[in-house]
Amino acid sequence: MHQVCDQNIIVGEGKENIDFNNLVTLNSTAAFLWTKMENKEFTTQDLVDALCGEYDVTEEVALRDCTALVRDWLAAGIIEE
């Protein structure tokens, strides 16, 4: 993750991303989760647990949001299943 003009940015790795089509901007909550899980294998439940441990959020809301986040990260190619 890189900070560019106060934005948290992730760029997909590998030469297929050399054109920077896979730039992902993260809000502060997603950046928190990325930092917690970066360079680790993790599950959606790991994200939920981290989110609930840091923020005042129900597990139901955290699960919904983390499921969507994982789907977005997979689509952008910044994580793999």
PDB file of N, CA and C in Angstrom:
ATOM      1  N   MET A   1       0.863  -1.168   0.000  1.00  0.00           N
ATOM      2  CA  MET A   1       0.000   0.000   0.000  1.00  0.00           C
ATOM      3  C   MET A   1       0.905   1.224   0.000  1.00  0.00           C
ATOM      4  N   HIS A   2       0.516   2.208  -0.787  1.00  0.00           N
ATOM      5  CA  HIS A   2       1.257   3.458  -0.895  1.00  0.00           C
ATOM      6  C   HIS A   2       0.306   4.609  -0.594  1.00  0.00           C
ATOM      7  N   GLN A   3       0.841   5.682  -0.045  1.00  0.00           N
ATOM      8  CA  GLN A   3       0.044   6.890   0.153  1.00  0.00           C
ATOM      9  C   GLN A   3       0.400   7.881  -0.939  1.00  0.00           C
ATOM     10  N   VAL A   4      -0.617   8.298  -1.683  1.00  0.00           N
ATOM     11  CA  VAL A   4      -0.450   9.267  -2.754  1.00  0.00           C
ATOM     12  C   VAL A   4      -1.498  10.356  -2.547  1.00  0.00           C
ATOM     13  N   CYS A   5      -1.046  11.564  -2.292  1.00  0.00           N
ATOM     14  CA  CYS A   5      -1.968  12.692  -2.077  1.00  0.00           C
ATOM     15  C   CYS A   5      -3.044  12.345  -1.048  1.00  0.00           C
ATOM     16  N   ASP A   6      -2.620  11.831   0.080  1.00  0.00           N
ATOM     17  CA  ASP A   6      -3.510  11.453   1.188  1.00  0.00           C
ATOM     18  C   ASP A   6      -4.497  10.340   0.836  1.00  0.00           C
ATOM     19  N   GLN A   7      -4.206   9.582  -0.211  1.00  0.00           N
ATOM     20  CA  GLN A   7      -5.023   8.438  -0.597  1.00  0.00           C
ATOM     21  C   GLN A   7      -4.218   7.163  -0.387  1.00  0.00           C
ATOM     22  N   ASN A   8      -4.861   6.102   0.110  1.00  0.00           N
ATOM     23  CA  ASN A   8      -4.235   4.798   0.249  1.00  0.00           C
ATOM     24  C   ASN A   8      -4.439   4.047  -1.056  1.00  0.00           C
ATOM     25  N   ILE A   9      -3.338   3.717  -1.737  1.00  0.00           N
ATOM     26  CA  ILE A   9      -3.384   3.125  -3.066  1.00  0.00           C
ATOM     27  C   ILE A   9      -2.691   1.766  -3.053  1.00  0.00           C
ATOM     28  N   ILE A  10      -3.303   0.799  -3.720  1.00  0.00           N
ATOM     29  CA  ILE A  10      -2.687  -0.504  -3.945  1.00  0.00           C
ATOM     30  C   ILE A  10      -2.637  -0.714  -5.447  1.00  0.00           C
ATOM     31  N   VAL A  11      -1.510  -1.211  -5.917  1.00  0.00           N
ATOM     32  CA  VAL A  11      -1.336  -1.525  -7.331  1.00  0.00           C
ATOM     33  C   VAL A  11      -1.117  -3.018  -7.433  1.00  0.00           C
ATOM     34  N   GLY A  12      -1.894  -3.686  -8.294  1.00  0.00           N
ATOM     35  CA  GLY A  12      -1.691  -5.106  -8.525  1.00  0.00           C
ATOM     36  C   GLY A  12      -0.270  -5.378  -8.979  1.00  0.00           C
ATOM     37  N   GLU A  13       0.297  -6.491  -8.526  1.00  0.00           N
ATOM     38  CA  GLU A  13       1.672  -6.828  -8.879  1.00  0.00           C
ATOM     39  C   GLU A  13       1.719  -7.661 -10.146  1.00  0.00           C
ATOM     40  N   GLY A  14       2.887  -7.738 -10.733  1.00  0.00           N
ATOM     41  CA  GLY A  14       3.091  -8.541 -11.925  1.00  0.00           C
ATOM     42  C   GLY A  14       3.089  -7.694 -13.177  1.00  0.00           C
ATOM     43  N   LYS A  15       3.739  -8.228 -14.222  1.00  0.00           N
ATOM     44  CA  LYS A  15       3.853  -7.425 -15.435  1.00  0.00           C
ATOM     45  C   LYS A  15       2.523  -7.219 -16.145  1.00  0.00           C
ATOM     46  N   GLU A  16       1.520  -8.055 -15.860  1.00  0.00           N
ATOM     47  CA  GLU A  16       0.208  -7.834 -16.478  1.00  0.00           C
ATOM     48  C   GLU A  16      -0.449  -6.562 -15.956  1.00  0.00           C
ATOM     49  N   ASN A  17       0.053  -6.011 -14.859  1.00  0.00           N
ATOM     50  CA  ASN A  17      -0.504  -4.782 -14.297  1.00  0.00           C
ATOM     51  C   ASN A  17       0.364  -3.564 -14.579  1.00  0.00           C
ATOM     52  N   ILE A  18       1.298  -3.685 -15.483  1.00  0.00           N
ATOM     53  CA  ILE A  18       2.221  -2.601 -15.771  1.00  0.00           C
ATOM     54  C   ILE A  18       1.509  -1.346 -16.268  1.00  0.00           C
ATOM     55  N   ASP A  19       0.314  -1.496 -16.844  1.00  0.00           N
ATOM     56  CA  ASP A  19      -0.425  -0.331 -17.332  1.00  0.00           C
ATOM     57  C   ASP A  19      -1.246   0.347 -16.234  1.00  0.00           C
ATOM     58  N   PHE A  20      -1.147  -0.164 -15.011  1.00  0.00           N
ATOM     59  CA  PHE A  20      -1.795   0.425 -13.843  1.00  0.00           C
ATOM     60  C   PHE A  20      -3.321   0.424 -13.920  1.00  0.00           C
ATOM     61  N   ASN A  21      -3.894  -0.534 -14.638  1.00  0.00           N
ATOM     62  CA  ASN A  21      -5.349  -0.650 -14.663  1.00  0.00           C
ATOM     63  C   ASN A  21      -5.910  -1.144 -13.337  1.00  0.00           C
ATOM     64  N   ASN A  22      -5.070  -1.731 -12.512  1.00  0.00           N
ATOM     65  CA  ASN A  22      -5.541  -2.281 -11.247  1.00  0.00           C
ATOM     66  C   ASN A  22      -5.131  -1.425 -10.059  1.00  0.00           C
ATOM     67  N   LEU A  23      -5.282  -0.117 -10.190  1.00  0.00           N
ATOM     68  CA  LEU A  23      -5.105   0.773  -9.050  1.00  0.00           C
ATOM     69  C   LEU A  23      -6.341   0.682  -8.183  1.00  0.00           C
ATOM     70  N   VAL A  24      -6.141   0.488  -6.898  1.00  0.00           N
ATOM     71  CA  VAL A  24      -7.259   0.395  -5.969  1.00  0.00           C
ATOM     72  C   VAL A  24      -7.048   1.440  -4.887  1.00  0.00           C
ATOM     73  N   THR A  25      -8.039   2.281  -4.667  1.00  0.00           N
ATOM     74  CA  THR A  25      -8.000   3.267  -3.595  1.00  0.00           C
ATOM     75  C   THR A  25      -8.785   2.717  -2.418  1.00  0.00           C
ATOM     76  N   LEU A  26      -8.180   2.770  -1.237  1.00  0.00           N
ATOM     77  CA  LEU A  26      -8.805   2.228  -0.039  1.00  0.00           C
ATOM     78  C   LEU A  26      -9.213   3.347   0.908  1.00  0.00           C
ATOM     79  N   ASN A  27     -10.419   3.245   1.461  1.00  0.00           N
ATOM     80  CA  ASN A  27     -10.787   4.173   2.526  1.00  0.00           C
ATOM     81  C   ASN A  27     -10.032   3.754   3.788  1.00  0.00           C
ATOM     82  N   SER A  28     -10.173   4.493   4.859  1.00  0.00           N
ATOM     83  CA  SER A  28      -9.374   4.230   6.064  1.00  0.00           C
ATOM     84  C   SER A  28      -9.654   2.853   6.667  1.00  0.00           C
ATOM     85  N   THR A  29     -10.890   2.401   6.604  1.00  0.00           N
ATOM     86  CA  THR A  29     -11.227   1.092   7.153  1.00  0.00           C
ATOM     87  C   THR A  29     -10.622  -0.029   6.313  1.00  0.00           C
ATOM     88  N   ALA A  30     -10.744   0.065   5.002  1.00  0.00           N
ATOM     89  CA  ALA A  30     -10.147  -0.946   4.123  1.00  0.00           C
ATOM     90  C   ALA A  30      -8.628  -0.926   4.246  1.00  0.00           C
ATOM     91  N   ALA A  31      -8.040   0.257   4.401  1.00  0.00           N
ATOM     92  CA  ALA A  31      -6.590   0.362   4.579  1.00  0.00           C
ATOM     93  C   ALA A  31      -6.157  -0.307   5.882  1.00  0.00           C
ATOM     94  N   PHE A  32      -6.942  -0.140   6.936  1.00  0.00           N
ATOM     95  CA  PHE A  32      -6.667  -0.821   8.200  1.00  0.00           C
ATOM     96  C   PHE A  32      -6.650  -2.332   7.997  1.00  0.00           C
ATOM     97  N   LEU A  33      -7.673  -2.849   7.311  1.00  0.00           N
ATOM     98  CA  LEU A  33      -7.752  -4.294   7.078  1.00  0.00           C
ATOM     99  C   LEU A  33      -6.611  -4.772   6.193  1.00  0.00           C
ATOM    100  N   TRP A  34      -6.282  -4.008   5.161  1.00  0.00           N
ATOM    101  CA  TRP A  34      -5.178  -4.387   4.274  1.00  0.00           C
ATOM    102  C   TRP A  34      -3.875  -4.481   5.065  1.00  0.00           C
ATOM    103  N   THR A  35      -3.628  -3.499   5.905  1.00  0.00           N
ATOM    104  CA  THR A  35      -2.403  -3.480   6.707  1.00  0.00           C
ATOM    105  C   THR A  35      -2.347  -4.680   7.653  1.00  0.00           C
ATOM    106  N   LYS A  36      -3.473  -5.024   8.250  1.00  0.00           N
ATOM    107  CA  LYS A  36      -3.523  -6.175   9.163  1.00  0.00           C
ATOM    108  C   LYS A  36      -3.259  -7.494   8.437  1.00  0.00           C
ATOM    109  N   MET A  37      -3.681  -7.601   7.180  1.00  0.00           N
ATOM    110  CA  MET A  37      -3.621  -8.871   6.465  1.00  0.00           C
ATOM    111  C   MET A  37      -2.526  -8.939   5.412  1.00  0.00           C
ATOM    112  N   GLU A  38      -1.860  -7.830   5.145  1.00  0.00           N
ATOM    113  CA  GLU A  38      -0.858  -7.779   4.089  1.00  0.00           C
ATOM    114  C   GLU A  38       0.214  -8.846   4.293  1.00  0.00           C
ATOM    115  N   ASN A  39       0.517  -9.553   3.214  1.00  0.00           N
ATOM    116  CA  ASN A  39       1.540 -10.612   3.191  1.00  0.00           C
ATOM    117  C   ASN A  39       1.194 -11.811   4.074  1.00  0.00           C
ATOM    118  N   LYS A  40      -0.105 -12.004   4.334  1.00  0.00           N
ATOM    119  CA  LYS A  40      -0.574 -13.151   5.109  1.00  0.00           C
ATOM    120  C   LYS A  40      -1.708 -13.818   4.340  1.00  0.00           C
ATOM    121  N   GLU A  41      -1.880 -15.099   4.585  1.00  0.00           N
ATOM    122  CA  GLU A  41      -3.104 -15.741   4.113  1.00  0.00           C
ATOM    123  C   GLU A  41      -4.194 -15.387   5.115  1.00  0.00           C
ATOM    124  N   PHE A  42      -5.381 -15.080   4.595  1.00  0.00           N
ATOM    125  CA  PHE A  42      -6.478 -14.714   5.488  1.00  0.00           C
ATOM    126  C   PHE A  42      -7.801 -15.143   4.890  1.00  0.00           C
ATOM    127  N   THR A  43      -8.778 -15.237   5.749  1.00  0.00           N
ATOM    128  CA  THR A  43     -10.142 -15.550   5.329  1.00  0.00           C
ATOM    129  C   THR A  43     -11.007 -14.311   5.529  1.00  0.00           C
ATOM    130  N   THR A  44     -12.187 -14.375   4.987  1.00  0.00           N
ATOM    131  CA  THR A  44     -13.140 -13.287   5.222  1.00  0.00           C
ATOM    132  C   THR A  44     -13.417 -13.162   6.713  1.00  0.00           C
ATOM    133  N   GLN A  45     -13.479 -14.298   7.414  1.00  0.00           N
ATOM    134  CA  GLN A  45     -13.726 -14.252   8.857  1.00  0.00           C
ATOM    135  C   GLN A  45     -12.596 -13.557   9.597  1.00  0.00           C
ATOM    136  N   ASP A  46     -11.358 -13.707   9.132  1.00  0.00           N
ATOM    137  CA  ASP A  46     -10.235 -12.977   9.736  1.00  0.00           C
ATOM    138  C   ASP A  46     -10.450 -11.467   9.611  1.00  0.00           C
ATOM    139  N   LEU A  47     -10.938 -11.038   8.453  1.00  0.00           N
ATOM    140  CA  LEU A  47     -11.236  -9.615   8.258  1.00  0.00           C
ATOM    141  C   LEU A  47     -12.350  -9.161   9.187  1.00  0.00           C
ATOM    142  N   VAL A  48     -13.382  -9.977   9.294  1.00  0.00           N
ATOM    143  CA  VAL A  48     -14.515  -9.665  10.178  1.00  0.00           C
ATOM    144  C   VAL A  48     -14.022  -9.509  11.611  1.00  0.00           C
ATOM    145  N   ASP A  49     -13.210 -10.457  12.070  1.00  0.00           N
ATOM    146  CA  ASP A  49     -12.701 -10.407  13.439  1.00  0.00           C
ATOM    147  C   ASP A  49     -11.867  -9.156  13.678  1.00  0.00           C
ATOM    148  N   ALA A  50     -11.015  -8.809  12.716  1.00  0.00           N
ATOM    149  CA  ALA A  50     -10.184  -7.604  12.844  1.00  0.00           C
ATOM    150  C   ALA A  50     -11.058  -6.354  12.882  1.00  0.00           C
ATOM    151  N   LEU A  51     -12.057  -6.312  12.019  1.00  0.00           N
ATOM    152  CA  LEU A  51     -12.953  -5.160  11.949  1.00  0.00           C
ATOM    153  C   LEU A  51     -13.724  -4.992  13.256  1.00  0.00           C
ATOM    154  N   CYS A  52     -14.279  -6.086  13.758  1.00  0.00           N
ATOM    155  CA  CYS A  52     -15.046  -6.027  15.010  1.00  0.00           C
ATOM    156  C   CYS A  52     -14.157  -5.692  16.204  1.00  0.00           C
ATOM    157  N   GLY A  53     -12.898  -6.105  16.149  1.00  0.00           N
ATOM    158  CA  GLY A  53     -11.981  -5.811  17.232  1.00  0.00           C
ATOM    159  C   GLY A  53     -11.524  -4.363  17.270  1.00  0.00           C
ATOM    160  N   GLU A  54     -11.592  -3.699  16.144  1.00  0.00           N
ATOM    161  CA  GLU A  54     -11.094  -2.319  16.046  1.00  0.00           C
ATOM    162  C   GLU A  54     -12.209  -1.276  16.039  1.00  0.00           C
ATOM    163  N   TYR A  55     -13.350  -1.631  15.475  1.00  0.00           N
ATOM    164  CA  TYR A  55     -14.441  -0.666  15.302  1.00  0.00           C
ATOM    165  C   TYR A  55     -15.701  -1.150  16.004  1.00  0.00           C
ATOM    166  N   ASP A  56     -16.581  -0.231  16.305  1.00  0.00           N
ATOM    167  CA  ASP A  56     -17.867  -0.556  16.928  1.00  0.00           C
ATOM    168  C   ASP A  56     -18.841  -0.937  15.819  1.00  0.00           C
ATOM    169  N   VAL A  57     -18.786  -2.213  15.426  1.00  0.00           N
ATOM    170  CA  VAL A  57     -19.607  -2.710  14.325  1.00  0.00           C
ATOM    171  C   VAL A  57     -20.080  -4.115  14.692  1.00  0.00           C
ATOM    172  N   THR A  58     -21.303  -4.446  14.279  1.00  0.00           N
ATOM    173  CA  THR A  58     -21.806  -5.791  14.549  1.00  0.00           C
ATOM    174  C   THR A  58     -21.146  -6.787  13.599  1.00  0.00           C
ATOM    175  N   GLU A  59     -21.128  -8.036  14.007  1.00  0.00           N
ATOM    176  CA  GLU A  59     -20.543  -9.068  13.151  1.00  0.00           C
ATOM    177  C   GLU A  59     -21.311  -9.188  11.845  1.00  0.00           C
ATOM    178  N   GLU A  60     -22.630  -9.013  11.881  1.00  0.00           N
ATOM    179  CA  GLU A  60     -23.450  -9.095  10.673  1.00  0.00           C
ATOM    180  C   GLU A  60     -23.041  -8.026   9.655  1.00  0.00           C
ATOM    181  N   VAL A  61     -22.888  -6.798  10.106  1.00  0.00           N
ATOM    182  CA  VAL A  61     -22.492  -5.702   9.222  1.00  0.00           C
ATOM    183  C   VAL A  61     -21.062  -5.922   8.734  1.00  0.00           C
ATOM    184  N   ALA A  62     -20.180  -6.331   9.644  1.00  0.00           N
ATOM    185  CA  ALA A  62     -18.782  -6.574   9.268  1.00  0.00           C
ATOM    186  C   ALA A  62     -18.689  -7.679   8.222  1.00  0.00           C
ATOM    187  N   LEU A  63     -19.466  -8.742   8.370  1.00  0.00           N
ATOM    188  CA  LEU A  63     -19.449  -9.837   7.406  1.00  0.00           C
ATOM    189  C   LEU A  63     -19.918  -9.367   6.036  1.00  0.00           C
ATOM    190  N   ARG A  64     -20.971  -8.597   6.021  1.00  0.00           N
ATOM    191  CA  ARG A  64     -21.482  -8.063   4.745  1.00  0.00           C
ATOM    192  C   ARG A  64     -20.425  -7.197   4.063  1.00  0.00           C
ATOM    193  N   ASP A  65     -19.837  -6.291   4.823  1.00  0.00           N
ATOM    194  CA  ASP A  65     -18.857  -5.368   4.254  1.00  0.00           C
ATOM    195  C   ASP A  65     -17.571  -6.077   3.842  1.00  0.00           C
ATOM    196  N   CYS A  66     -17.103  -7.021   4.654  1.00  0.00           N
ATOM    197  CA  CYS A  66     -15.862  -7.738   4.343  1.00  0.00           C
ATOM    198  C   CYS A  66     -16.045  -8.673   3.154  1.00  0.00           C
ATOM    199  N   THR A  67     -17.213  -9.256   3.012  1.00  0.00           N
ATOM    200  CA  THR A  67     -17.504 -10.102   1.854  1.00  0.00           C
ATOM    201  C   THR A  67     -17.431  -9.268   0.576  1.00  0.00           C
ATOM    202  N   ALA A  68     -18.009  -8.085   0.606  1.00  0.00           N
ATOM    203  CA  ALA A  68     -17.960  -7.184  -0.560  1.00  0.00           C
ATOM    204  C   ALA A  68     -16.528  -6.734  -0.826  1.00  0.00           C
ATOM    205  N   LEU A  69     -15.775  -6.460   0.227  1.00  0.00           N
ATOM    206  CA  LEU A  69     -14.393  -6.024   0.079  1.00  0.00           C
ATOM    207  C   LEU A  69     -13.538  -7.112  -0.561  1.00  0.00           C
ATOM    208  N   VAL A  70     -13.689  -8.339  -0.097  1.00  0.00           N
ATOM    209  CA  VAL A  70     -12.932  -9.458  -0.680  1.00  0.00           C
ATOM    210  C   VAL A  70     -13.302  -9.632  -2.148  1.00  0.00           C
ATOM    211  N   ARG A  71     -14.569  -9.522  -2.464  1.00  0.00           N
ATOM    212  CA  ARG A  71     -15.014  -9.632  -3.860  1.00  0.00           C
ATOM    213  C   ARG A  71     -14.348  -8.546  -4.718  1.00  0.00           C
ATOM    214  N   ASP A  72     -14.288  -7.327  -4.201  1.00  0.00           N
ATOM    215  CA  ASP A  72     -13.651  -6.227  -4.934  1.00  0.00           C
ATOM    216  C   ASP A  72     -12.154  -6.462  -5.098  1.00  0.00           C
ATOM    217  N   TRP A  73     -11.492  -6.920  -4.042  1.00  0.00           N
ATOM    218  CA  TRP A  73     -10.055  -7.185  -4.110  1.00  0.00           C
ATOM    219  C   TRP A  73      -9.745  -8.309  -5.093  1.00  0.00           C
ATOM    220  N   LEU A  74     -10.584  -9.339  -5.108  1.00  0.00           N
ATOM    221  CA  LEU A  74     -10.393 -10.432  -6.074  1.00  0.00           C
ATOM    222  C   LEU A  74     -10.565  -9.926  -7.504  1.00  0.00           C
ATOM    223  N   ALA A  75     -11.598  -9.134  -7.723  1.00  0.00           N
ATOM    224  CA  ALA A  75     -11.874  -8.597  -9.059  1.00  0.00           C
ATOM    225  C   ALA A  75     -10.730  -7.704  -9.550  1.00  0.00           C
ATOM    226  N   ALA A  76     -10.111  -6.977  -8.623  1.00  0.00           N
ATOM    227  CA  ALA A  76      -9.012  -6.082  -8.989  1.00  0.00           C
ATOM    228  C   ALA A  76      -7.692  -6.843  -9.151  1.00  0.00           C
ATOM    229  N   GLY A  77      -7.674  -8.099  -8.724  1.00  0.00           N
ATOM    230  CA  GLY A  77      -6.468  -8.901  -8.863  1.00  0.00           C
ATOM    231  C   GLY A  77      -5.400  -8.617  -7.824  1.00  0.00           C
ATOM    232  N   ILE A  78      -5.775  -8.001  -6.700  1.00  0.00           N
ATOM    233  CA  ILE A  78      -4.776  -7.699  -5.682  1.00  0.00           C
ATOM    234  C   ILE A  78      -4.680  -8.798  -4.625  1.00  0.00           C
ATOM    235  N   ILE A  79      -5.643  -9.731  -4.637  1.00  0.00           N
ATOM    236  CA  ILE A  79      -5.549 -10.948  -3.825  1.00  0.00           C
ATOM    237  C   ILE A  79      -5.975 -12.124  -4.708  1.00  0.00           C
ATOM    238  N   GLU A  80      -5.628 -13.324  -4.255  1.00  0.00           N
ATOM    239  CA  GLU A  80      -6.025 -14.543  -4.962  1.00  0.00           C
ATOM    240  C   GLU A  80      -6.782 -15.440  -4.000  1.00  0.00           C
ATOM    241  N   GLU A  81      -7.619 -16.301  -4.566  1.00  0.00           N
ATOM    242  CA  GLU A  81      -8.342 -17.267  -3.737  1.00  0.00           C
ATOM    243  C   GLU A  81      -7.432 -18.393  -3.361  1.00  0.00           C
TER     244      GLU A  81
END
